[in-house]
């Protein structure tokens, strides 16, 4: 009985010793913000997105000018008493409809721009995943962390430049036109 107890105790003591023999994890750090912003695809997309944003700003200015002219015409008509009663109400209603349509158009434009940005990030992230996996294998790493998830790290752990360089070769361009949003499925009865 004593030999059995001693064997169990020795066996139990061996478990923590075996666990202590595991090698420490090798970690690589990737700054995905830099990958998106500094890669060739990211730079190209930034230029395209800036053009889209400028078109939206130009459209906003155009619509604001049209609405301001219309508001001034209504105000002028009220002031010189040429616009009153049902005609005034009809003109004000038409102005409000134009204003609502303009706001909806601009909101759709903002949503489209945001979706475009997200699509660019998605494409770059998807293309970066196998590159990061390959770099991890090459370095014997078991963990890849986003730079923002670290408090401190040594520069030797950072592989962002390698990711950007390889991404430039494998993905020089991305699309800024996201796929059309899918409509929610209709409920079945």
N, C-alpha and C. Protein backbone atom coordinates (compact mmCIF):
# COMPACT_ATOMS: atom_id res chain seq x y z
N UNK A 1 0.82 -1.18 0.00
CA UNK A 1 0.00 0.00 0.00
C UNK A 1 0.87 1.25 0.00
N UNK A 2 1.98 1.21 0.82
CA UNK A 2 2.86 2.37 0.86
C UNK A 2 3.52 2.60 -0.49
N UNK A 3 3.89 1.55 -1.20
CA UNK A 3 4.51 1.71 -2.51
C UNK A 3 3.53 2.32 -3.50
N UNK A 4 2.28 1.94 -3.39
CA UNK A 4 1.27 2.48 -4.30
C UNK A 4 1.05 3.96 -4.02
N UNK A 5 0.98 4.33 -2.74
CA UNK A 5 0.80 5.74 -2.38
C UNK A 5 2.02 6.54 -2.81
N UNK A 6 3.18 6.01 -2.60
CA UNK A 6 4.40 6.71 -3.00
C UNK A 6 4.44 6.88 -4.52
N UNK A 7 4.03 5.86 -5.25
CA UNK A 7 4.01 5.94 -6.71
C UNK A 7 3.02 7.00 -7.18
N UNK A 8 1.85 7.07 -6.53
CA UNK A 8 0.85 8.08 -6.89
C UNK A 8 1.38 9.48 -6.61
N UNK A 9 2.03 9.64 -5.46
CA UNK A 9 2.57 10.95 -5.13
C UNK A 9 3.67 11.35 -6.10
N UNK A 10 4.51 10.42 -6.45
CA UNK A 10 5.57 10.71 -7.42
C UNK A 10 4.98 11.04 -8.79
N UNK A 11 3.94 10.31 -9.16
CA UNK A 11 3.27 10.58 -10.43
C UNK A 11 2.63 11.95 -10.42
N UNK A 12 2.01 12.34 -9.31
CA UNK A 12 1.37 13.64 -9.20
C UNK A 12 2.41 14.75 -9.25
N UNK A 13 3.56 14.51 -8.66
CA UNK A 13 4.62 15.51 -8.67
C UNK A 13 5.21 15.66 -10.07
N UNK A 14 5.16 14.63 -10.87
CA UNK A 14 5.71 14.69 -12.21
C UNK A 14 4.85 15.51 -13.15
N UNK A 15 3.55 15.62 -12.89
CA UNK A 15 2.66 16.38 -13.77
C UNK A 15 3.05 17.84 -13.81
N UNK A 16 3.21 18.54 -12.66
CA UNK A 16 3.62 19.94 -12.76
C UNK A 16 5.00 20.09 -13.39
N UNK A 17 5.90 19.16 -13.17
CA UNK A 17 7.22 19.24 -13.76
C UNK A 17 7.12 19.15 -15.28
N UNK A 18 6.26 18.29 -15.78
CA UNK A 18 6.08 18.17 -17.22
C UNK A 18 5.47 19.44 -17.79
N UNK A 19 4.52 20.01 -17.05
CA UNK A 19 3.89 21.25 -17.51
C UNK A 19 4.90 22.38 -17.55
N UNK A 20 5.85 22.39 -16.65
CA UNK A 20 6.86 23.43 -16.62
C UNK A 20 7.86 23.30 -17.76
N UNK A 21 7.90 22.16 -18.41
CA UNK A 21 8.85 21.94 -19.49
C UNK A 21 8.35 22.47 -20.83
N UNK A 22 7.12 22.98 -20.88
CA UNK A 22 6.62 23.56 -22.13
C UNK A 22 7.45 24.78 -22.47
N UNK A 23 7.74 24.94 -23.73
CA UNK A 23 8.52 26.11 -24.15
C UNK A 23 7.63 27.34 -24.12
N UNK A 24 8.23 28.50 -23.84
CA UNK A 24 7.42 29.72 -23.80
C UNK A 24 6.91 30.04 -25.20
N UNK A 25 5.75 30.67 -25.29
CA UNK A 25 5.20 30.99 -26.62
C UNK A 25 6.04 32.06 -27.32
N UNK A 26 6.13 31.94 -28.62
CA UNK A 26 6.79 32.96 -29.43
C UNK A 26 5.68 33.83 -30.00
N UNK A 27 5.84 35.12 -29.87
CA UNK A 27 4.79 36.07 -30.24
C UNK A 27 5.30 36.99 -31.34
N UNK A 28 4.42 37.33 -32.27
CA UNK A 28 4.70 38.38 -33.25
C UNK A 28 3.62 39.45 -33.09
N UNK A 29 4.00 40.67 -33.37
CA UNK A 29 3.10 41.82 -33.24
C UNK A 29 2.87 42.42 -34.62
N UNK A 30 1.60 42.70 -34.94
CA UNK A 30 1.25 43.30 -36.22
C UNK A 30 0.39 44.54 -35.95
N UNK A 31 0.78 45.65 -36.53
CA UNK A 31 0.00 46.89 -36.44
C UNK A 31 -0.90 46.95 -37.68
N UNK A 32 -2.12 46.46 -37.54
CA UNK A 32 -3.03 46.38 -38.69
C UNK A 32 -3.43 47.76 -39.21
N UNK A 33 -3.41 48.78 -38.35
CA UNK A 33 -3.69 50.13 -38.84
C UNK A 33 -2.62 50.55 -39.85
N UNK A 34 -1.36 50.26 -39.53
CA UNK A 34 -0.28 50.55 -40.47
C UNK A 34 -0.39 49.71 -41.72
N UNK A 35 -0.77 48.45 -41.58
CA UNK A 35 -0.92 47.58 -42.75
C UNK A 35 -1.95 48.19 -43.70
N UNK A 36 -3.07 48.62 -43.15
CA UNK A 36 -4.13 49.22 -43.98
C UNK A 36 -3.66 50.54 -44.59
N UNK A 37 -3.03 51.39 -43.80
CA UNK A 37 -2.68 52.73 -44.26
C UNK A 37 -1.41 52.80 -45.11
N UNK A 38 -0.46 51.88 -44.89
CA UNK A 38 0.82 51.97 -45.58
C UNK A 38 0.98 51.00 -46.74
N UNK A 39 0.09 50.04 -46.85
CA UNK A 39 0.19 49.09 -47.96
C UNK A 39 -0.20 49.79 -49.26
N UNK A 40 0.27 49.24 -50.37
CA UNK A 40 -0.07 49.81 -51.68
C UNK A 40 -1.59 49.82 -51.88
N UNK A 41 -2.23 48.73 -51.49
CA UNK A 41 -3.69 48.65 -51.64
C UNK A 41 -4.38 49.69 -50.76
N UNK A 42 -3.87 49.88 -49.55
CA UNK A 42 -4.46 50.86 -48.64
C UNK A 42 -4.29 52.28 -49.14
N UNK A 43 -3.11 52.58 -49.68
CA UNK A 43 -2.86 53.92 -50.22
C UNK A 43 -3.75 54.19 -51.43
N UNK A 44 -3.86 53.19 -52.31
CA UNK A 44 -4.72 53.34 -53.49
C UNK A 44 -6.16 53.55 -53.06
N UNK A 45 -6.60 52.77 -52.09
CA UNK A 45 -7.98 52.89 -51.61
C UNK A 45 -8.22 54.24 -50.94
N UNK A 46 -7.23 54.73 -50.20
CA UNK A 46 -7.37 56.04 -49.54
C UNK A 46 -7.58 57.14 -50.58
N UNK A 47 -6.85 57.06 -51.68
CA UNK A 47 -7.01 58.05 -52.76
C UNK A 47 -8.42 57.97 -53.36
N UNK A 48 -8.86 56.73 -53.62
CA UNK A 48 -10.20 56.54 -54.19
C UNK A 48 -11.29 56.99 -53.22
N UNK A 49 -11.10 56.68 -51.93
CA UNK A 49 -12.10 57.07 -50.92
C UNK A 49 -12.13 58.59 -50.74
N UNK A 50 -10.97 59.21 -50.84
CA UNK A 50 -10.91 60.67 -50.75
C UNK A 50 -11.68 61.31 -51.90
N UNK A 51 -11.57 60.72 -53.07
CA UNK A 51 -12.32 61.23 -54.23
C UNK A 51 -13.82 61.08 -54.00
N UNK A 52 -14.22 59.93 -53.44
CA UNK A 52 -15.65 59.74 -53.14
C UNK A 52 -16.13 60.75 -52.10
N UNK A 53 -15.30 60.98 -51.08
CA UNK A 53 -15.67 61.94 -50.03
C UNK A 53 -15.78 63.35 -50.61
N UNK A 54 -14.89 63.69 -51.54
CA UNK A 54 -14.94 65.00 -52.17
C UNK A 54 -16.20 65.15 -53.03
N UNK A 55 -16.57 64.09 -53.74
CA UNK A 55 -17.81 64.13 -54.53
C UNK A 55 -19.01 64.36 -53.62
N UNK A 56 -19.01 63.69 -52.48
CA UNK A 56 -20.11 63.85 -51.53
C UNK A 56 -20.13 65.27 -50.97
N UNK A 57 -18.97 65.83 -50.67
CA UNK A 57 -18.90 67.21 -50.17
C UNK A 57 -19.39 68.20 -51.23
N UNK A 58 -19.03 67.96 -52.48
CA UNK A 58 -19.49 68.82 -53.57
C UNK A 58 -21.00 68.73 -53.71
N UNK A 59 -21.52 67.54 -53.61
CA UNK A 59 -22.98 67.35 -53.71
C UNK A 59 -23.68 68.05 -52.55
N UNK A 60 -23.10 67.96 -51.36
CA UNK A 60 -23.68 68.62 -50.18
C UNK A 60 -23.75 70.13 -50.40
N UNK A 61 -22.66 70.69 -50.95
CA UNK A 61 -22.62 72.13 -51.22
C UNK A 61 -23.66 72.52 -52.27
N UNK A 62 -23.79 71.72 -53.31
CA UNK A 62 -24.77 71.99 -54.37
C UNK A 62 -26.19 71.98 -53.80
N UNK A 63 -26.50 70.93 -53.04
CA UNK A 63 -27.85 70.83 -52.46
C UNK A 63 -28.12 71.97 -51.48
N UNK A 64 -27.13 72.32 -50.68
CA UNK A 64 -27.31 73.43 -49.72
C UNK A 64 -27.58 74.73 -50.47
N UNK A 65 -26.86 74.94 -51.57
CA UNK A 65 -27.09 76.15 -52.37
C UNK A 65 -28.49 76.19 -52.96
N UNK A 66 -28.95 75.06 -53.48
CA UNK A 66 -30.29 74.99 -54.06
C UNK A 66 -31.35 75.26 -52.98
N UNK A 67 -31.18 74.65 -51.82
CA UNK A 67 -32.15 74.83 -50.74
C UNK A 67 -32.13 76.27 -50.22
N UNK A 68 -30.95 76.84 -50.14
CA UNK A 68 -30.86 78.23 -49.67
C UNK A 68 -31.55 79.17 -50.65
N UNK A 69 -31.36 78.95 -51.95
CA UNK A 69 -32.04 79.79 -52.96
C UNK A 69 -33.55 79.67 -52.85
N UNK A 70 -34.01 78.43 -52.66
CA UNK A 70 -35.45 78.20 -52.53
C UNK A 70 -36.00 78.86 -51.27
N UNK A 71 -35.26 78.75 -50.16
CA UNK A 71 -35.71 79.37 -48.90
C UNK A 71 -35.76 80.89 -49.04
N UNK A 72 -34.76 81.46 -49.72
CA UNK A 72 -34.75 82.90 -49.94
C UNK A 72 -35.92 83.34 -50.81
N UNK A 73 -36.25 82.56 -51.84
CA UNK A 73 -37.37 82.89 -52.72
C UNK A 73 -38.68 82.87 -51.94
N UNK A 74 -38.83 81.86 -51.07
CA UNK A 74 -40.05 81.79 -50.24
C UNK A 74 -40.10 82.98 -49.30
N UNK A 75 -38.99 83.30 -48.67
CA UNK A 75 -38.94 84.45 -47.75
C UNK A 75 -39.24 85.75 -48.47
N UNK A 76 -38.68 85.90 -49.66
CA UNK A 76 -38.92 87.11 -50.46
C UNK A 76 -40.40 87.22 -50.84
N UNK A 77 -41.00 86.08 -51.23
CA UNK A 77 -42.42 86.07 -51.57
C UNK A 77 -43.30 86.45 -50.39
N UNK A 78 -42.93 85.99 -49.21
CA UNK A 78 -43.69 86.37 -48.01
C UNK A 78 -43.52 87.85 -47.70
N UNK A 79 -42.31 88.33 -47.84
CA UNK A 79 -42.01 89.71 -47.49
C UNK A 79 -42.73 90.71 -48.40
N UNK A 80 -42.75 90.42 -49.69
CA UNK A 80 -43.42 91.37 -50.60
C UNK A 80 -44.87 90.98 -50.87
N UNK A 81 -45.39 90.04 -50.09
CA UNK A 81 -46.81 89.64 -50.10
C UNK A 81 -47.27 89.02 -51.42
N UNK A 82 -46.35 88.47 -52.21
CA UNK A 82 -46.72 87.79 -53.44
C UNK A 82 -46.95 86.30 -53.21
N UNK A 83 -46.59 85.84 -52.03
CA UNK A 83 -46.74 84.42 -51.70
C UNK A 83 -47.44 84.33 -50.35
N UNK A 84 -48.67 83.84 -50.38
CA UNK A 84 -49.44 83.74 -49.14
C UNK A 84 -50.48 82.64 -49.29
N UNK A 85 -51.13 82.30 -48.19
CA UNK A 85 -52.22 81.33 -48.19
C UNK A 85 -51.81 79.96 -48.68
N UNK A 86 -52.70 79.31 -49.46
CA UNK A 86 -52.41 77.96 -49.95
C UNK A 86 -51.16 77.88 -50.83
N UNK A 87 -50.88 78.92 -51.59
CA UNK A 87 -49.69 78.92 -52.44
C UNK A 87 -48.42 78.87 -51.58
N UNK A 88 -48.43 79.63 -50.46
CA UNK A 88 -47.30 79.63 -49.55
C UNK A 88 -47.15 78.24 -48.91
N UNK A 89 -48.25 77.70 -48.44
CA UNK A 89 -48.22 76.38 -47.81
C UNK A 89 -47.69 75.31 -48.78
N UNK A 90 -48.14 75.39 -50.02
CA UNK A 90 -47.71 74.43 -51.04
C UNK A 90 -46.20 74.57 -51.32
N UNK A 91 -45.74 75.79 -51.39
CA UNK A 91 -44.31 76.05 -51.64
C UNK A 91 -43.45 75.60 -50.46
N UNK A 92 -43.91 75.87 -49.24
CA UNK A 92 -43.18 75.45 -48.04
C UNK A 92 -43.14 73.92 -47.97
N UNK A 93 -44.24 73.27 -48.29
CA UNK A 93 -44.30 71.80 -48.28
C UNK A 93 -43.33 71.23 -49.31
N UNK A 94 -43.29 71.82 -50.50
CA UNK A 94 -42.37 71.36 -51.54
C UNK A 94 -40.92 71.56 -51.10
N UNK A 95 -40.66 72.69 -50.41
CA UNK A 95 -39.31 72.95 -49.90
C UNK A 95 -38.92 71.89 -48.86
N UNK A 96 -39.83 71.59 -47.95
CA UNK A 96 -39.55 70.58 -46.92
C UNK A 96 -39.30 69.21 -47.54
N UNK A 97 -40.07 68.89 -48.57
CA UNK A 97 -39.86 67.61 -49.27
C UNK A 97 -38.47 67.56 -49.92
N UNK A 98 -38.06 68.67 -50.56
CA UNK A 98 -36.73 68.73 -51.17
C UNK A 98 -35.64 68.61 -50.10
N UNK A 99 -35.85 69.28 -48.98
CA UNK A 99 -34.88 69.24 -47.89
C UNK A 99 -34.74 67.82 -47.33
N UNK A 100 -35.87 67.15 -47.14
CA UNK A 100 -35.84 65.77 -46.65
C UNK A 100 -35.15 64.84 -47.65
N UNK A 101 -35.45 65.03 -48.94
CA UNK A 101 -34.83 64.20 -49.98
C UNK A 101 -33.32 64.44 -50.00
N UNK A 102 -32.91 65.70 -49.85
CA UNK A 102 -31.49 66.03 -49.85
C UNK A 102 -30.80 65.38 -48.65
N UNK A 103 -31.41 65.47 -47.48
CA UNK A 103 -30.83 64.86 -46.28
C UNK A 103 -30.72 63.34 -46.41
N UNK A 104 -31.73 62.73 -47.00
CA UNK A 104 -31.69 61.28 -47.21
C UNK A 104 -30.60 60.90 -48.21
N UNK A 105 -30.47 61.67 -49.27
CA UNK A 105 -29.42 61.40 -50.26
C UNK A 105 -28.04 61.51 -49.63
N UNK A 106 -27.82 62.55 -48.83
CA UNK A 106 -26.52 62.73 -48.19
C UNK A 106 -26.25 61.63 -47.15
N UNK A 107 -27.28 61.22 -46.44
CA UNK A 107 -27.12 60.13 -45.45
C UNK A 107 -26.74 58.83 -46.16
N UNK A 108 -27.40 58.56 -47.30
CA UNK A 108 -27.04 57.37 -48.09
C UNK A 108 -25.60 57.45 -48.58
N UNK A 109 -25.19 58.63 -48.98
CA UNK A 109 -23.81 58.83 -49.43
C UNK A 109 -22.81 58.58 -48.31
N UNK A 110 -23.12 59.05 -47.11
CA UNK A 110 -22.25 58.81 -45.94
C UNK A 110 -22.20 57.33 -45.61
N UNK A 111 -23.35 56.66 -45.66
CA UNK A 111 -23.40 55.22 -45.39
C UNK A 111 -22.59 54.46 -46.43
N UNK A 112 -22.70 54.86 -47.69
CA UNK A 112 -21.95 54.21 -48.75
C UNK A 112 -20.44 54.40 -48.55
N UNK A 113 -20.05 55.59 -48.16
CA UNK A 113 -18.64 55.86 -47.91
C UNK A 113 -18.13 55.02 -46.74
N UNK A 114 -18.91 54.92 -45.68
CA UNK A 114 -18.52 54.09 -44.52
C UNK A 114 -18.43 52.62 -44.92
N UNK A 115 -19.39 52.14 -45.70
CA UNK A 115 -19.35 50.75 -46.17
C UNK A 115 -18.13 50.51 -47.05
N UNK A 116 -17.78 51.49 -47.87
CA UNK A 116 -16.61 51.38 -48.73
C UNK A 116 -15.34 51.25 -47.88
N UNK A 117 -15.22 52.08 -46.85
CA UNK A 117 -14.06 52.01 -45.96
C UNK A 117 -13.97 50.64 -45.30
N UNK A 118 -15.10 50.17 -44.80
CA UNK A 118 -15.12 48.85 -44.14
C UNK A 118 -14.75 47.75 -45.11
N UNK A 119 -15.20 47.86 -46.35
CA UNK A 119 -14.90 46.85 -47.36
C UNK A 119 -13.40 46.82 -47.67
N UNK A 120 -12.79 47.98 -47.73
CA UNK A 120 -11.35 48.06 -47.96
C UNK A 120 -10.61 47.36 -46.82
N UNK A 121 -10.97 47.68 -45.59
CA UNK A 121 -10.33 47.07 -44.43
C UNK A 121 -10.53 45.56 -44.44
N UNK A 122 -11.73 45.12 -44.78
CA UNK A 122 -12.02 43.69 -44.84
C UNK A 122 -11.13 42.99 -45.86
N UNK A 123 -11.00 43.56 -47.05
CA UNK A 123 -10.18 42.95 -48.10
C UNK A 123 -8.71 42.86 -47.68
N UNK A 124 -8.20 43.93 -47.09
CA UNK A 124 -6.80 43.95 -46.67
C UNK A 124 -6.59 42.97 -45.52
N UNK A 125 -7.51 42.93 -44.58
CA UNK A 125 -7.39 41.99 -43.45
C UNK A 125 -7.43 40.55 -43.93
N UNK A 126 -8.34 40.25 -44.83
CA UNK A 126 -8.46 38.89 -45.37
C UNK A 126 -7.18 38.48 -46.10
N UNK A 127 -6.62 39.39 -46.89
CA UNK A 127 -5.39 39.07 -47.62
C UNK A 127 -4.19 38.99 -46.68
N UNK A 128 -4.23 39.70 -45.55
CA UNK A 128 -3.13 39.69 -44.59
C UNK A 128 -3.08 38.41 -43.77
N UNK A 129 -4.22 37.79 -43.54
CA UNK A 129 -4.26 36.60 -42.68
C UNK A 129 -3.28 35.51 -43.10
N UNK A 130 -3.29 35.06 -44.36
CA UNK A 130 -2.32 34.01 -44.72
C UNK A 130 -0.87 34.49 -44.66
N UNK A 131 -0.65 35.76 -44.90
CA UNK A 131 0.71 36.31 -44.82
C UNK A 131 1.19 36.26 -43.37
N UNK A 132 0.33 36.66 -42.45
CA UNK A 132 0.69 36.62 -41.02
C UNK A 132 0.93 35.17 -40.59
N UNK A 133 0.09 34.25 -41.05
CA UNK A 133 0.28 32.83 -40.73
C UNK A 133 1.63 32.34 -41.23
N UNK A 134 2.01 32.72 -42.45
CA UNK A 134 3.29 32.31 -43.03
C UNK A 134 4.45 32.88 -42.21
N UNK A 135 4.36 34.15 -41.83
CA UNK A 135 5.42 34.78 -41.04
C UNK A 135 5.52 34.10 -39.67
N UNK A 136 4.37 33.76 -39.09
CA UNK A 136 4.38 33.05 -37.80
C UNK A 136 5.14 31.72 -37.94
N UNK A 137 4.86 30.98 -38.99
CA UNK A 137 5.55 29.70 -39.22
C UNK A 137 7.05 29.91 -39.36
N UNK A 138 7.43 30.91 -40.14
CA UNK A 138 8.84 31.19 -40.37
C UNK A 138 9.58 31.54 -39.08
N UNK A 139 8.90 32.23 -38.18
CA UNK A 139 9.52 32.66 -36.93
C UNK A 139 9.26 31.69 -35.77
N UNK A 140 8.50 30.65 -36.05
CA UNK A 140 8.17 29.70 -34.99
C UNK A 140 7.22 30.28 -33.95
N UNK A 141 6.41 31.22 -34.37
CA UNK A 141 5.50 31.90 -33.44
C UNK A 141 4.22 31.10 -33.26
N UNK A 142 3.69 31.19 -32.06
CA UNK A 142 2.42 30.52 -31.78
C UNK A 142 1.30 31.53 -31.57
N UNK A 143 1.64 32.82 -31.48
CA UNK A 143 0.64 33.86 -31.25
C UNK A 143 0.99 35.09 -32.09
N UNK A 144 -0.03 35.68 -32.71
CA UNK A 144 0.10 36.98 -33.38
C UNK A 144 -0.86 37.92 -32.69
N UNK A 145 -0.35 39.06 -32.26
CA UNK A 145 -1.19 40.04 -31.56
C UNK A 145 -1.25 41.34 -32.34
N UNK A 146 -2.41 41.98 -32.26
CA UNK A 146 -2.58 43.33 -32.79
C UNK A 146 -1.76 44.26 -31.90
N UNK A 147 -1.04 45.18 -32.48
CA UNK A 147 -0.18 46.07 -31.71
C UNK A 147 -0.95 46.78 -30.60
N UNK A 148 -2.17 47.17 -30.86
CA UNK A 148 -2.98 47.86 -29.86
C UNK A 148 -3.33 47.02 -28.65
N UNK A 149 -3.14 45.71 -28.75
CA UNK A 149 -3.45 44.81 -27.63
C UNK A 149 -2.26 44.67 -26.68
N UNK A 150 -1.14 45.31 -27.01
CA UNK A 150 0.04 45.20 -26.16
C UNK A 150 0.26 46.49 -25.40
N UNK A 151 0.83 46.36 -24.22
CA UNK A 151 1.23 47.54 -23.46
C UNK A 151 2.65 47.95 -23.84
N UNK A 152 3.51 46.95 -23.93
CA UNK A 152 4.89 47.16 -24.33
C UNK A 152 5.37 45.92 -25.07
N UNK A 153 6.32 46.11 -25.94
CA UNK A 153 6.96 44.98 -26.60
C UNK A 153 8.27 45.44 -27.22
N UNK A 154 9.14 44.50 -27.48
CA UNK A 154 10.41 44.85 -28.12
C UNK A 154 10.19 44.92 -29.63
N UNK A 155 11.01 45.73 -30.26
CA UNK A 155 10.88 45.93 -31.70
C UNK A 155 11.08 44.64 -32.49
N UNK A 156 11.84 43.70 -31.93
CA UNK A 156 12.11 42.45 -32.66
C UNK A 156 10.85 41.60 -32.85
N UNK A 157 9.82 41.86 -32.05
CA UNK A 157 8.57 41.10 -32.20
C UNK A 157 7.68 41.65 -33.31
N UNK A 158 7.94 42.88 -33.71
CA UNK A 158 7.10 43.57 -34.71
C UNK A 158 7.37 43.04 -36.11
N UNK A 159 6.33 42.59 -36.80
CA UNK A 159 6.46 42.06 -38.16
C UNK A 159 5.64 42.86 -39.17
N UNK A 160 5.20 44.03 -38.78
CA UNK A 160 4.34 44.85 -39.64
C UNK A 160 4.98 45.14 -40.99
N UNK A 161 6.25 45.53 -40.99
CA UNK A 161 6.92 45.84 -42.26
C UNK A 161 6.94 44.63 -43.19
N UNK A 162 7.16 43.44 -42.62
CA UNK A 162 7.14 42.21 -43.43
C UNK A 162 5.75 41.98 -44.03
N UNK A 163 4.72 42.21 -43.21
CA UNK A 163 3.34 42.01 -43.69
C UNK A 163 3.04 42.99 -44.82
N UNK A 164 3.40 44.26 -44.62
CA UNK A 164 3.14 45.27 -45.65
C UNK A 164 3.88 44.93 -46.94
N UNK A 165 5.15 44.55 -46.82
CA UNK A 165 5.93 44.22 -48.02
C UNK A 165 5.33 43.06 -48.80
N UNK A 166 4.95 42.02 -48.11
CA UNK A 166 4.38 40.85 -48.79
C UNK A 166 2.98 41.15 -49.33
N UNK A 167 2.23 41.96 -48.59
CA UNK A 167 0.88 42.34 -49.04
C UNK A 167 0.97 43.17 -50.32
N UNK A 168 1.98 44.03 -50.42
CA UNK A 168 2.14 44.85 -51.62
C UNK A 168 2.31 43.98 -52.86
N UNK A 169 2.95 42.83 -52.69
CA UNK A 169 3.14 41.92 -53.80
C UNK A 169 1.87 41.14 -54.11
N UNK A 170 1.21 40.65 -53.07
CA UNK A 170 0.05 39.78 -53.29
C UNK A 170 -1.26 40.53 -53.53
N UNK A 171 -1.36 41.78 -53.04
CA UNK A 171 -2.61 42.54 -53.17
C UNK A 171 -2.28 44.02 -53.42
N UNK A 172 -1.92 44.37 -54.66
CA UNK A 172 -1.56 45.76 -54.92
C UNK A 172 -2.74 46.72 -54.96
N UNK A 173 -3.94 46.20 -55.19
CA UNK A 173 -5.14 47.05 -55.29
C UNK A 173 -6.32 46.35 -54.62
N UNK A 174 -7.26 47.15 -54.16
CA UNK A 174 -8.54 46.62 -53.66
C UNK A 174 -9.66 47.45 -54.27
N UNK A 175 -10.84 46.94 -54.18
CA UNK A 175 -12.02 47.66 -54.67
C UNK A 175 -12.59 48.52 -53.55
N UNK A 176 -13.05 49.71 -53.90
CA UNK A 176 -13.72 50.56 -52.92
C UNK A 176 -15.23 50.49 -53.09
N UNK A 177 -15.68 49.60 -53.98
CA UNK A 177 -17.11 49.44 -54.20
C UNK A 177 -17.55 48.15 -53.51
N UNK A 178 -18.21 48.29 -52.36
CA UNK A 178 -18.63 47.08 -51.64
C UNK A 178 -19.78 46.39 -52.37
N UNK A 179 -19.91 45.09 -52.12
CA UNK A 179 -21.07 44.40 -52.70
C UNK A 179 -22.35 45.02 -52.17
N UNK A 180 -23.39 44.93 -52.95
CA UNK A 180 -24.68 45.48 -52.53
C UNK A 180 -25.12 44.81 -51.23
N UNK A 181 -25.67 45.59 -50.32
CA UNK A 181 -26.13 44.97 -49.07
C UNK A 181 -27.24 43.97 -49.37
N UNK A 182 -27.22 42.89 -48.64
CA UNK A 182 -28.25 41.88 -48.84
C UNK A 182 -29.48 42.26 -48.04
N UNK A 183 -30.60 42.05 -48.65
CA UNK A 183 -31.87 42.35 -47.98
C UNK A 183 -32.15 41.25 -46.96
N UNK A 184 -32.76 41.61 -45.84
CA UNK A 184 -33.10 40.57 -44.86
C UNK A 184 -34.09 39.58 -45.47
N UNK A 185 -33.92 38.34 -45.09
CA UNK A 185 -34.81 37.29 -45.60
C UNK A 185 -36.23 37.53 -45.09
N UNK A 186 -37.18 37.26 -45.98
CA UNK A 186 -38.58 37.41 -45.59
C UNK A 186 -38.95 36.29 -44.64
N UNK A 187 -39.75 36.59 -43.63
CA UNK A 187 -40.17 35.54 -42.71
C UNK A 187 -41.07 34.52 -43.41
N UNK A 188 -40.86 33.28 -43.04
CA UNK A 188 -41.68 32.21 -43.64
C UNK A 188 -42.89 31.97 -42.75
N UNK A 189 -43.96 31.70 -43.40
CA UNK A 189 -45.20 31.41 -42.65
C UNK A 189 -45.43 29.94 -42.54
